[in-house]
Structures are given as C-alpha cells and as structure tokens.
Protein backbone atom coordinates (compact mmCIF):
# COMPACT_ATOMS: atom_id res chain seq x y z
CA MET A 1 141.24 201.43 118.13
CA LYS A 2 140.48 197.75 118.28
CA ASN A 3 140.16 197.76 122.02
CA THR A 4 137.89 200.81 121.90
CA LEU A 5 135.64 199.06 119.35
CA PHE A 6 135.61 195.91 121.48
CA LEU A 7 134.61 197.81 124.59
CA PHE A 8 131.87 199.59 122.57
CA LEU A 9 130.44 196.36 121.26
CA LEU A 10 130.55 194.76 124.68
CA ALA A 11 128.73 197.72 126.26
CA SER A 12 126.14 197.73 123.43
CA SER A 13 125.55 193.94 123.86
CA THR A 14 125.03 194.30 127.65
CA PHE A 15 122.63 197.17 127.02
CA PHE A 16 120.51 195.30 124.42
CA CYS A 17 120.23 192.34 126.55
CA GLN A 18 118.41 194.23 129.19
CA GLY A 19 114.69 194.43 128.91
CA SER A 20 112.12 197.18 129.60
CA TYR A 21 110.68 195.98 132.95
CA ALA A 22 111.58 196.28 136.55
CA PRO A 23 115.07 194.93 137.69
CA ASN A 24 115.95 192.35 140.34
CA ALA A 25 115.16 192.57 144.02
CA ASP A 26 118.43 194.28 144.89
CA SER A 27 117.83 197.25 142.66
CA SER A 28 116.28 200.47 144.01
CA ALA A 29 113.92 200.39 140.92
CA THR A 30 112.59 196.94 141.66
CA THR A 31 108.90 196.15 142.24
CA ALA A 32 109.79 193.12 144.43
CA MET A 33 107.96 192.93 147.85
CA TYR A 34 109.76 191.48 150.83
CA LYS A 35 107.69 188.89 152.72
CA ASP A 36 107.64 190.80 155.98
CA SER A 37 106.24 193.96 154.36
CA SER A 38 103.41 195.50 156.35
CA ALA A 39 101.41 195.67 153.07
CA PHE A 40 100.53 192.03 153.37
CA VAL A 41 97.26 191.61 155.32
CA LEU A 42 96.56 187.91 154.49
CA TRP A 43 98.28 184.69 153.20
CA ALA A 44 96.70 181.81 151.36
CA ASP A 45 95.17 179.24 153.75
CA GLY A 46 94.22 176.51 151.20
CA CYS A 47 96.20 174.85 148.43
CA ILE A 48 95.49 172.09 145.90
CA VAL A 49 98.46 170.88 143.80
CA THR A 50 98.58 169.05 140.42
CA ARG A 51 102.10 167.97 139.86
CA GLY A 52 103.90 167.99 136.55
CA TYR A 53 106.71 165.73 135.29
CA GLN A 54 110.35 166.30 136.34
CA ASN A 55 111.18 166.49 132.65
CA ILE A 56 108.15 166.58 130.19
CA LEU A 57 110.37 165.09 127.49
CA ASP A 58 111.10 162.06 129.70
CA PRO A 59 107.97 160.95 131.65
CA SER A 60 109.95 157.82 132.86
CA LEU A 61 111.50 160.10 135.49
CA GLY A 62 108.09 160.56 137.16
CA TYR A 63 106.53 163.68 138.71
CA ALA A 64 108.11 166.41 140.86
CA THR A 65 107.78 165.43 144.57
CA VAL A 66 109.34 168.10 146.77
CA GLY A 67 107.00 169.61 149.33
CA SER A 68 103.32 169.13 149.88
CA ALA A 69 100.17 171.27 149.36
CA GLN A 70 100.49 172.57 152.79
CA SER A 71 103.89 174.06 151.84
CA GLY A 72 102.03 176.58 149.63
CA VAL A 73 99.96 178.18 152.45
CA GLY A 74 100.98 180.67 155.10
CA MET A 75 103.72 183.31 155.01
CA ALA A 76 106.55 182.85 152.54
CA GLY A 77 109.66 181.63 154.08
CA ASP A 78 107.95 180.03 157.07
CA ASN A 79 107.24 176.57 155.43
CA ASP A 80 108.87 174.36 152.86
CA VAL A 81 108.07 174.98 149.23
CA VAL A 82 106.01 172.86 146.86
CA SER A 83 107.58 171.98 143.50
CA LEU A 84 105.05 172.00 140.63
CA GLY A 85 107.11 170.18 137.91
CA ASP A 86 106.82 170.86 134.25
CA GLY A 87 103.46 172.42 133.54
CA GLY A 88 102.20 171.57 137.09
CA SER A 89 99.80 173.86 138.89
CA ALA A 90 98.52 175.00 142.36
CA ILE A 91 95.29 176.55 143.27
CA LEU A 92 95.32 178.83 146.31
CA THR A 93 92.29 179.94 148.35
CA PHE A 94 91.83 182.60 151.03
CA THR A 95 89.79 183.45 154.07
CA HIS A 96 88.73 186.76 152.45
CA ALA A 97 88.24 187.73 148.89
CA ILE A 98 90.91 189.72 147.12
CA ILE A 99 89.89 193.07 145.68
CA ASN A 100 91.20 195.57 143.16
CA GLY A 101 92.82 198.27 145.27
CA THR A 102 95.28 200.95 144.50
CA GLY A 103 98.57 199.33 143.15
CA PRO A 104 99.39 195.63 143.40
CA ASP A 105 96.82 193.46 145.16
CA PHE A 106 98.77 190.27 145.84
CA ALA A 107 102.21 188.90 145.33
CA VAL A 108 103.57 185.40 144.48
CA PHE A 109 106.70 184.02 146.04
CA GLU A 110 109.19 181.50 144.64
CA ASN A 111 112.45 180.21 146.32
CA SER A 112 115.20 181.10 143.81
CA PHE A 113 118.59 181.05 145.46
CA ASP A 114 119.71 184.27 143.67
CA ASN A 115 118.62 187.08 141.42
CA ASN A 116 119.38 185.26 138.20
CA PHE A 117 118.22 181.63 138.37
CA LEU A 118 114.53 182.22 137.84
CA GLU A 119 111.86 179.52 137.36
CA LEU A 120 108.72 181.13 136.04
CA ALA A 121 104.96 180.57 136.22
CA PHE A 122 101.67 181.92 134.81
CA VAL A 123 99.23 183.46 137.18
CA GLU A 124 95.43 183.19 136.85
CA VAL A 125 92.55 184.37 139.05
CA SER A 126 88.94 183.27 139.52
CA SER A 127 85.81 184.52 141.27
CA ASN A 128 84.08 181.11 141.41
CA GLY A 129 86.88 178.49 141.33
CA VAL A 130 85.78 177.36 137.79
CA ASP A 131 86.35 180.22 135.37
CA TYR A 132 90.04 181.59 135.40
CA VAL A 133 91.45 184.53 133.69
CA ARG A 134 95.22 184.74 133.00
CA PHE A 135 97.38 187.85 133.63
CA PRO A 136 98.77 189.30 130.44
CA SER A 137 102.51 188.32 130.48
CA HIS A 138 105.57 189.21 128.47
CA SER A 139 108.96 187.49 128.11
CA GLN A 140 111.71 189.44 126.30
CA THR A 141 114.26 186.75 126.89
CA PRO A 142 115.72 185.67 123.50
CA PHE A 143 114.67 182.17 122.54
CA ALA A 144 117.05 181.32 119.71
CA THR A 145 119.22 179.41 122.23
CA GLN A 146 117.73 177.30 125.08
CA ILE A 147 118.36 178.49 128.70
CA GLY A 148 120.05 175.62 130.36
CA GLY A 149 118.87 174.00 133.60
CA PHE A 150 121.12 176.24 135.67
CA ASP A 151 121.57 179.20 133.42
CA ASP A 152 120.60 182.79 134.17
CA LEU A 153 117.66 185.03 133.35
CA ASP A 154 117.49 188.88 133.48
CA ALA A 155 114.44 190.12 135.51
CA THR A 156 114.17 193.12 133.29
CA ASN A 157 112.95 190.78 130.44
CA ILE A 158 110.09 189.42 132.50
CA HIS A 159 106.69 190.90 133.13
CA ASN A 160 103.60 189.50 135.01
CA LEU A 161 105.25 186.11 135.44
CA ALA A 162 105.61 184.66 138.92
CA GLY A 163 109.19 183.80 139.87
CA LYS A 164 110.64 187.07 138.57
CA TYR A 165 112.30 187.60 141.97
CA ARG A 166 114.51 185.57 144.27
CA ALA A 167 113.54 183.76 147.50
CA ARG A 168 111.51 185.92 150.07
CA PHE A 169 110.79 188.58 147.49
CA GLY A 170 107.38 188.30 145.90
CA THR A 171 106.26 189.23 142.39
CA PRO A 172 103.39 191.70 142.61
CA PHE A 173 100.20 191.50 140.52
CA ASP A 174 97.62 194.29 140.01
CA LEU A 175 94.02 193.22 139.26
CA GLU A 176 93.65 196.49 137.29
CA ASP A 177 95.25 194.49 134.43
CA LEU A 178 91.97 192.42 134.30
CA VAL A 179 89.27 195.06 134.80
CA ASP A 180 87.99 194.48 131.26
CA SER A 181 88.11 190.66 131.46
CA ALA A 182 84.93 188.64 131.27
CA ASN A 183 84.13 185.78 133.71
CA VAL A 184 85.96 187.38 136.63
CA ASP A 185 84.99 190.01 139.16
CA VAL A 186 88.22 191.78 140.13
CA ASN A 187 86.62 192.82 143.50
CA ASN A 188 85.82 189.26 144.35
CA ILE A 189 88.91 187.07 143.63
CA THR A 190 88.50 183.74 145.62
CA HIS A 191 91.12 181.57 143.83
CA ILE A 192 94.49 182.11 142.42
CA LYS A 193 96.06 179.47 140.19
CA ILE A 194 99.83 179.22 139.62
CA ILE A 195 100.90 177.30 136.49
CA ASP A 196 104.56 176.42 135.78
CA VAL A 197 106.00 177.71 132.51
CA ILE A 198 107.53 174.91 130.47
CA GLY A 199 110.71 176.85 129.46
CA ILE A 200 111.69 174.57 126.62
CA VAL A 201 111.80 176.44 123.26
CA ASN A 202 111.15 175.32 119.76
CA ALA A 203 109.17 172.31 120.86
CA ASN A 204 105.62 171.16 121.02
CA GLU A 205 105.63 171.71 124.78
CA THR A 206 106.70 175.34 124.50
CA SER A 207 104.93 177.91 126.78
CA TYR A 208 103.98 181.25 125.19
CA ASP A 209 103.45 184.68 126.65
CA SER A 210 100.38 186.80 125.96
CA GLN A 211 102.07 188.31 122.94
CA GLY A 212 102.79 185.00 121.32
CA ASN A 213 106.55 184.89 122.31
CA GLN A 214 108.13 181.66 123.34
CA ILE A 215 109.06 181.79 127.05
CA ASN A 216 112.73 180.64 127.66
CA ASP A 217 113.51 179.65 131.17
CA PRO A 218 115.76 177.00 132.81
CA PHE A 219 115.15 173.56 131.12
CA PRO A 220 115.60 170.78 131.81
CA THR A 221 115.46 170.53 135.54
CA PRO A 222 115.04 166.77 135.96
CA TYR A 223 114.93 166.56 139.70
CA PRO A 224 112.27 166.01 142.39
CA SER A 225 112.25 169.88 142.80
CA SER A 226 111.52 170.44 139.08
CA GLY A 227 109.63 173.45 137.87
CA PHE A 228 108.23 176.42 139.78
CA ASP A 229 108.65 176.20 143.54
CA LEU A 230 105.70 177.82 145.28
CA ASP A 231 106.48 179.43 148.60
CA GLY A 232 103.42 181.49 149.33
CA VAL A 233 100.93 184.08 148.17
CA GLY A 234 100.51 187.21 150.05
CA VAL A 235 97.41 189.43 149.89
CA ILE A 236 97.59 193.22 150.02
CA HIS A 237 93.95 194.18 149.41
CA MET A 238 91.15 192.12 150.76
CA PHE A 239 87.36 192.51 151.16
CA VAL A 240 86.07 193.24 154.66
CA SER A 241 82.36 193.43 155.30
CA ILE A 242 80.66 196.35 157.00
CA LEU A 243 77.07 195.83 158.25
CA GLU A 244 76.34 199.57 158.13
CA SER A 245 77.88 202.44 156.23
CA GLU A 246 79.32 203.79 159.46
CA ALA A 247 81.88 201.34 160.92
CA LEU A 248 81.88 200.34 164.57
CA ALA A 249 83.91 202.87 166.72
CA VAL A 250 86.87 201.14 168.31
CA ASN A 251 90.48 201.92 169.35
CA LEU A 252 93.21 199.34 169.01
CA TYR A 253 96.37 200.02 170.87
CA PRO A 254 99.31 199.74 170.83
CA ASN A 255 99.70 198.84 167.09
CA PRO A 256 102.26 197.53 166.28
CA THR A 257 102.80 195.77 169.54
CA ASN A 258 105.47 193.38 171.08
CA SER A 259 102.86 191.05 172.49
CA ASP A 260 99.86 192.52 174.30
CA PHE A 261 97.13 194.83 173.06
CA ALA A 262 93.84 196.42 174.06
CA LEU A 263 90.55 197.50 172.56
CA SER A 264 88.41 200.39 173.83
CA PHE A 265 84.87 201.36 172.83
CA PRO A 266 82.71 204.44 173.41
CA SER A 267 79.88 202.48 175.05
CA ASN A 268 79.11 199.26 177.01
CA ASN A 269 77.08 197.64 174.18
CA GLU A 270 77.22 193.87 173.80
CA LYS A 271 79.91 192.79 171.28
CA GLU A 272 81.64 189.66 169.90
CA ILE A 273 85.33 189.85 169.40
CA LYS A 274 87.22 187.31 167.23
CA VAL A 275 91.00 187.38 166.62
CA TYR A 276 92.41 185.61 163.51
CA ASN A 277 95.96 184.80 162.55
CA ALA A 278 97.40 185.35 159.09
CA LEU A 279 96.21 181.93 157.97
CA GLY A 280 92.65 182.81 158.87
CA LYS A 281 92.46 180.58 161.98
CA MET A 282 90.57 181.96 164.93
CA VAL A 283 92.92 182.15 167.97
CA GLU A 284 90.76 184.16 170.36
CA TYR A 285 87.03 184.63 170.97
CA LEU A 286 85.33 186.81 173.48
CA GLN A 287 81.86 188.11 174.17
CA THR A 288 81.72 191.18 176.38
CA ALA A 289 79.81 194.49 177.05
CA ASN A 290 82.77 196.24 178.69
CA LYS A 291 84.17 199.48 177.32
CA SER A 292 87.62 198.04 177.28
CA VAL A 293 89.27 194.62 176.89
CA SER A 294 92.91 193.43 177.01
CA PHE A 295 94.58 190.48 175.22
CA THR A 296 98.10 189.11 176.15
CA SER A 297 100.85 186.88 174.95
CA PHE A 298 100.61 187.03 171.20
CA SER A 299 103.48 185.73 169.11
CA LYS A 300 104.97 187.63 166.18
CA GLY A 301 102.92 187.97 163.09
CA PHE A 302 99.84 189.62 161.50
CA TYR A 303 96.37 189.32 163.09
CA PHE A 304 92.83 190.48 162.35
CA ILE A 305 90.56 191.67 164.97
CA ASN A 306 86.89 191.33 164.08
CA ILE A 307 84.37 193.18 166.28
CA ARG A 308 80.66 192.67 165.77
CA THR A 309 77.61 194.12 167.40
CA ASN A 310 73.88 193.63 166.48
CA THR A 311 74.11 196.36 163.89
CA LYS A 312 77.79 197.12 163.17
CA GLU A 313 81.00 195.27 162.33
CA ARG A 314 84.67 196.24 161.93
CA THR A 315 87.88 194.34 161.20
CA LEU A 316 91.23 195.85 162.15
CA LYS A 317 94.74 194.62 161.29
CA LEU A 318 97.22 194.12 164.16
CA ILE A 319 101.06 193.69 163.79
CA VAL A 320 103.01 191.90 166.46
CA ASN A 321 106.73 192.59 166.12
C-alpha cells in the first residue's frame, strides 16, 4: 500500500510540474522550428548589442563578452553566438519588413546544449526603431525556489519567451498576438529587440512576465557567456513590393536546385535581375532583354531573385540544396 501511494504521489508530482504550453524540440507536439526549415525566407542582417553584467548582483565581474554583434546575423548555427549578459539586449534589422502572415512570422534561436538548460529572453518588435511593443509572455515555472545556474527548466511552462528550445531550434512568434497594440504596424516590422530575462527571483532585479509572475530561469551564470545567447532570427513572412497588381510573369527552374538555375519569360522586354543571399547581400546582377537567362555555381542556401521591368516587379525565393 505504501509503495502504491508513493508511486501515485510521484506520478501526480510529475504531472503537476508540467505546464500548459508546447513541449521541447524532440516532442511531436513541439512548435520548435529547425534552422534549415524551408519556411525561413530571410535572416537578420544587422545587429546592435547592449551587454549586461555577468552577474547583476556582482558588477565587479564585468559584462558578458562572448561573441560580437555580427554573431547575431545570418542563419542560426552558421556563426558564433553573442551573449547578452543579465538584462542585456540586441536589436536586429532586416532587408525586408516582416509582416503578419498565417501562423508564426519569425523565430528566435538560442544555443542551449539540451532540452532543459534554457536561458530566456523577452521579444519586442518595432515599425520605426523607436517605439517597441513586447510580446505577451507567460512563465509557469514555480518561483518559490531559485533555479540554479545549471538547473533545468520545463519547456511546457514557457510561452512567448525566446530560448524555449535548444540550439538550432527556434522559438516562433506570431504577430497576430500584437494586432491590437498601439505604436506598431504588424505588417511593417523593421526591428526586433531581444532582452535577456534576469531569472533571479525575490529580488529587486526580478523579471516579470505579462501576467505579473516572477520568471525563474538559471541564475547566476557569472561567466563571459552569461545570459541569453543569441544565435539568429529567421523570418517566415516578409514584405515584397509589387509595382502592379499583376506580378511579372516568370518561370524559375529547377527549384530547389543543386547549384544552377534558369529564368524564362514570355517576351523579350528589358528587365533588371538581382540575386540576393539570405543576408540581403546582392550576389548577382544582370540587365537583359532575352526570354531566358541561366545562372551557375551557387552554393547551398536561400536566395531571392528580384526581377524588375519598367512597369512590373516580382521577387522569387530559390533554395539551393
């Protein structure tokens, strides 16, 4: 009888420790997005970092130092990370504005080494680089006892906080959450701000979620890599301009491709063709009146093909495997 009661209490304890949100990246019910997902059409190409202390309670240790602002741009997993430190922040910019599409619109990547050691951050967006609106967040992690510097968190207790998932798996954010917010246009997001959560509880420096709960995450982490470690921000829905309601007719093939691709057009009108990589850098430029044109020797990654005539414009996404 005692053993049965013990097992029941253990099972009940495990159950009640779980929260109401999506589980870790290895679960079939997760919302985590892998960095190589074809859903990502763009990555941040600009980053400004404001470092926080390694330990906000001991400023004598100095600021976090790992990585640089450049580490926050480009595809997650391709560069080093930039550590923000306690309460530090990073502002990301993009070649094209982010818009509110169907489902998540972008994802934020951290570099946690497993599903349980999670360092969290708030996420804010802006349409002008001045006025920022924060995503509503919720932490169901109990805060009666401090999570130690290398202790675990349960992803099911975390909602709308970056860092919910391990390295190479992004935490998605849906701009639909902010459609009623003033001072931001959810169809013209130009800046994303990532702000490290100070996970200390019961202190003046405590961070709070949108419901007024103390956020408990690993503290202290008194090292040069302190705080949230930004690995990248991938865009899912971006704004592409169209000069006329009817887009330019063009065929891109093959897509995906291993290296080479071609464009074909119904007529010999004059057109300007620009090819951009995932960072928004132009890697090819061509002016031609031909009905077809070929490009060769492209390395693996995502590209955007922008074709413009005097009256029409179209941008296509290309995947090179």
